[in-house]
């Protein structure tokens, strides 16, 4: 069972989809992220490639908290989203408009601990089972941008 914002509970299954071939170079990606203080999510995407994406990600992760959406350029799905704050992150995978999965965390928090991260302009609550360090979140997003299949990014739980 997974608890998300509002205390709702969902049954999880270990399913998600592949995004493509794994590679060494960063693909073109579409990135939308929160801006300003207080945080605001406008949903405006910016196309970034290679070092530009990596630099934008580093600048973003240097903030206290935030929310982003990431997809490969030219593909609507899969799309990864990440909320982070207090040096923790939670990553979701949208397989389609109606299908979402959570990436299991790295054990940095106890499974029954509650963590709060931004989703859009508000905070959402997740169990610690889905919390990960910013270093792991960064590496996950970079691997996705390199074309690593979603299933190779870790264990997913479909909501």
Protein backbone atom coordinates (compact mmCIF):
# COMPACT_ATOMS: atom_id res chain seq x y z
CA UNK A 1 0.00 0.00 0.00
CA UNK A 2 1.12 3.53 -0.79
CA UNK A 3 -0.05 6.67 0.94
CA UNK A 4 -0.01 9.83 -1.14
CA UNK A 5 -1.41 13.34 -0.66
CA UNK A 6 -4.61 13.48 1.36
CA UNK A 7 -3.98 10.06 2.92
CA UNK A 8 -5.39 8.17 -0.09
CA UNK A 9 -4.18 4.58 -0.40
CA UNK A 10 -3.52 2.71 -3.61
CA UNK A 11 -2.54 -0.84 -4.43
CA UNK A 12 0.75 -1.03 -6.32
CA UNK A 13 1.98 -3.32 -9.09
CA UNK A 14 5.54 -3.55 -10.40
CA UNK A 15 4.94 -2.31 -13.97
CA UNK A 16 6.07 0.60 -16.15
CA UNK A 17 7.35 1.03 -19.71
CA UNK A 18 10.66 1.35 -21.54
CA UNK A 19 11.72 4.72 -22.92
CA UNK A 20 14.29 3.51 -25.45
CA UNK A 21 17.86 2.36 -25.81
CA UNK A 22 20.40 3.04 -23.09
CA UNK A 23 23.22 5.35 -24.21
CA UNK A 24 26.08 7.53 -23.01
CA UNK A 25 25.01 10.90 -24.45
CA UNK A 26 22.08 12.96 -23.25
CA UNK A 27 19.11 13.12 -25.61
CA UNK A 28 17.07 16.25 -26.23
CA UNK A 29 14.55 16.57 -23.43
CA UNK A 30 11.56 18.73 -22.63
CA UNK A 31 11.78 20.18 -19.11
CA UNK A 32 9.12 22.08 -17.16
CA UNK A 33 9.86 23.18 -13.60
CA UNK A 34 8.76 25.37 -10.75
CA UNK A 35 10.11 28.89 -10.50
CA UNK A 36 10.24 31.64 -7.92
CA UNK A 37 9.48 31.87 -4.24
CA UNK A 38 6.87 30.82 -3.35
CA UNK A 39 7.22 28.06 -5.89
CA UNK A 40 5.00 28.24 -8.95
CA UNK A 41 4.59 25.61 -11.66
CA UNK A 42 3.63 27.10 -15.00
CA UNK A 43 4.03 23.98 -17.15
CA UNK A 44 6.04 25.82 -19.81
CA UNK A 45 8.46 23.34 -21.37
CA UNK A 46 11.98 24.16 -22.45
CA UNK A 47 13.85 21.94 -24.91
CA UNK A 48 17.36 21.20 -23.67
CA UNK A 49 20.12 18.94 -24.93
CA UNK A 50 23.35 17.57 -23.49
CA UNK A 51 25.24 19.87 -21.15
CA UNK A 52 22.44 22.45 -21.14
CA UNK A 53 20.08 19.95 -19.51
CA UNK A 54 22.68 18.82 -17.00
CA UNK A 55 23.45 22.43 -16.04
CA UNK A 56 19.76 23.30 -15.71
CA UNK A 57 19.26 20.23 -13.50
CA UNK A 58 22.21 21.21 -11.27
CA UNK A 59 20.87 24.76 -10.85
CA UNK A 60 17.41 23.43 -10.08
CA UNK A 61 18.63 20.94 -7.48
CA UNK A 62 20.58 23.73 -5.75
CA UNK A 63 17.23 25.26 -4.71
CA UNK A 64 15.59 24.42 -1.38
CA UNK A 65 12.66 22.67 -3.04
CA UNK A 66 10.90 22.30 -6.37
CA UNK A 67 8.95 20.21 -8.85
CA UNK A 68 9.79 19.26 -12.43
CA UNK A 69 8.43 17.26 -15.35
CA UNK A 70 10.78 15.62 -17.84
CA UNK A 71 10.17 13.79 -21.10
CA UNK A 72 12.24 12.94 -24.14
CA UNK A 73 11.76 15.44 -26.96
CA UNK A 74 9.22 14.21 -29.50
CA UNK A 75 7.54 11.81 -27.04
CA UNK A 76 4.60 12.61 -24.79
CA UNK A 77 5.22 9.51 -22.65
CA UNK A 78 6.82 8.22 -20.60
CA UNK A 79 7.18 11.37 -18.54
CA UNK A 80 9.03 11.55 -15.23
CA UNK A 81 8.08 14.00 -12.52
CA UNK A 82 10.08 14.81 -9.43
CA UNK A 83 9.27 16.77 -6.31
CA UNK A 84 12.04 17.53 -3.86
CA UNK A 85 12.62 19.33 -0.58
CA UNK A 86 14.64 18.85 2.61
CA UNK A 87 17.33 17.01 0.61
CA UNK A 88 14.82 14.30 -0.42
CA UNK A 89 13.05 13.57 -3.70
CA UNK A 90 10.15 11.46 -4.97
CA UNK A 91 9.96 10.43 -8.65
CA UNK A 92 6.83 9.43 -10.56
CA UNK A 93 6.48 7.91 -14.02
CA UNK A 94 3.48 8.72 -16.20
CA UNK A 95 3.12 5.90 -18.75
CA UNK A 96 0.13 7.71 -20.26
CA UNK A 97 -2.27 10.44 -19.26
CA UNK A 98 -4.06 7.99 -16.95
CA UNK A 99 -1.32 5.61 -15.77
CA UNK A 100 1.18 6.57 -13.08
CA UNK A 101 3.84 4.70 -11.10
CA UNK A 102 6.11 5.68 -8.21
CA UNK A 103 9.81 4.83 -8.12
CA UNK A 104 10.80 3.08 -4.94
CA UNK A 105 13.31 5.07 -2.89
CA UNK A 106 16.82 4.24 -1.82
CA UNK A 107 16.18 3.48 1.85
CA UNK A 108 17.20 6.96 2.99
CA UNK A 109 13.98 7.12 5.02
CA UNK A 110 12.06 4.48 6.94
CA UNK A 111 9.18 3.06 4.89
CA UNK A 112 6.56 4.21 7.42
CA UNK A 113 7.98 7.75 7.72
CA UNK A 114 6.01 10.48 5.92
CA UNK A 115 7.87 12.86 3.61
CA UNK A 116 6.51 16.04 2.04
CA UNK A 117 7.62 17.26 -1.39
CA UNK A 118 6.17 19.79 -3.84
CA UNK A 119 3.84 18.52 -6.56
CA UNK A 120 2.93 21.42 -8.82
CA UNK A 121 2.43 24.37 -6.43
CA UNK A 122 1.52 22.42 -3.28
CA UNK A 123 3.10 19.88 -0.98
CA UNK A 124 2.12 16.21 -1.18
CA UNK A 125 2.79 13.48 1.37
CA UNK A 126 4.39 10.15 0.50
CA UNK A 127 5.63 7.26 2.58
CA UNK A 128 9.37 7.13 3.11
CA UNK A 129 9.44 4.02 0.92
CA UNK A 130 9.45 6.38 -2.09
CA UNK A 131 11.96 8.92 -0.77
CA UNK A 132 15.46 9.10 -2.20
CA UNK A 133 18.49 11.32 -1.89
CA UNK A 134 18.96 14.16 -4.36
CA UNK A 135 22.05 12.36 -5.69
CA UNK A 136 19.98 9.31 -6.61
CA UNK A 137 17.22 11.47 -8.09
CA UNK A 138 19.76 13.38 -10.19
CA UNK A 139 21.32 10.17 -11.49
CA UNK A 140 17.87 8.73 -12.28
CA UNK A 141 16.89 11.79 -14.33
CA UNK A 142 20.22 11.80 -16.19
CA UNK A 143 19.90 8.09 -16.98
CA UNK A 144 16.39 8.69 -18.32
CA UNK A 145 17.71 11.54 -20.49
CA UNK A 146 20.35 9.12 -21.87
CA UNK A 147 17.59 6.74 -22.97
CA UNK A 148 17.82 4.18 -20.18
CA UNK A 149 14.62 2.10 -20.18
CA UNK A 150 12.22 3.06 -17.42
CA UNK A 151 12.30 -0.49 -16.07
CA UNK A 152 16.08 -0.23 -15.63
CA UNK A 153 15.81 2.89 -13.44
CA UNK A 154 14.60 0.92 -10.44
CA UNK A 155 11.54 -0.80 -9.05
CA UNK A 156 8.25 0.86 -9.98
CA UNK A 157 4.82 0.58 -8.37
CA UNK A 158 1.83 1.37 -10.54
CA UNK A 159 -0.95 3.33 -8.90
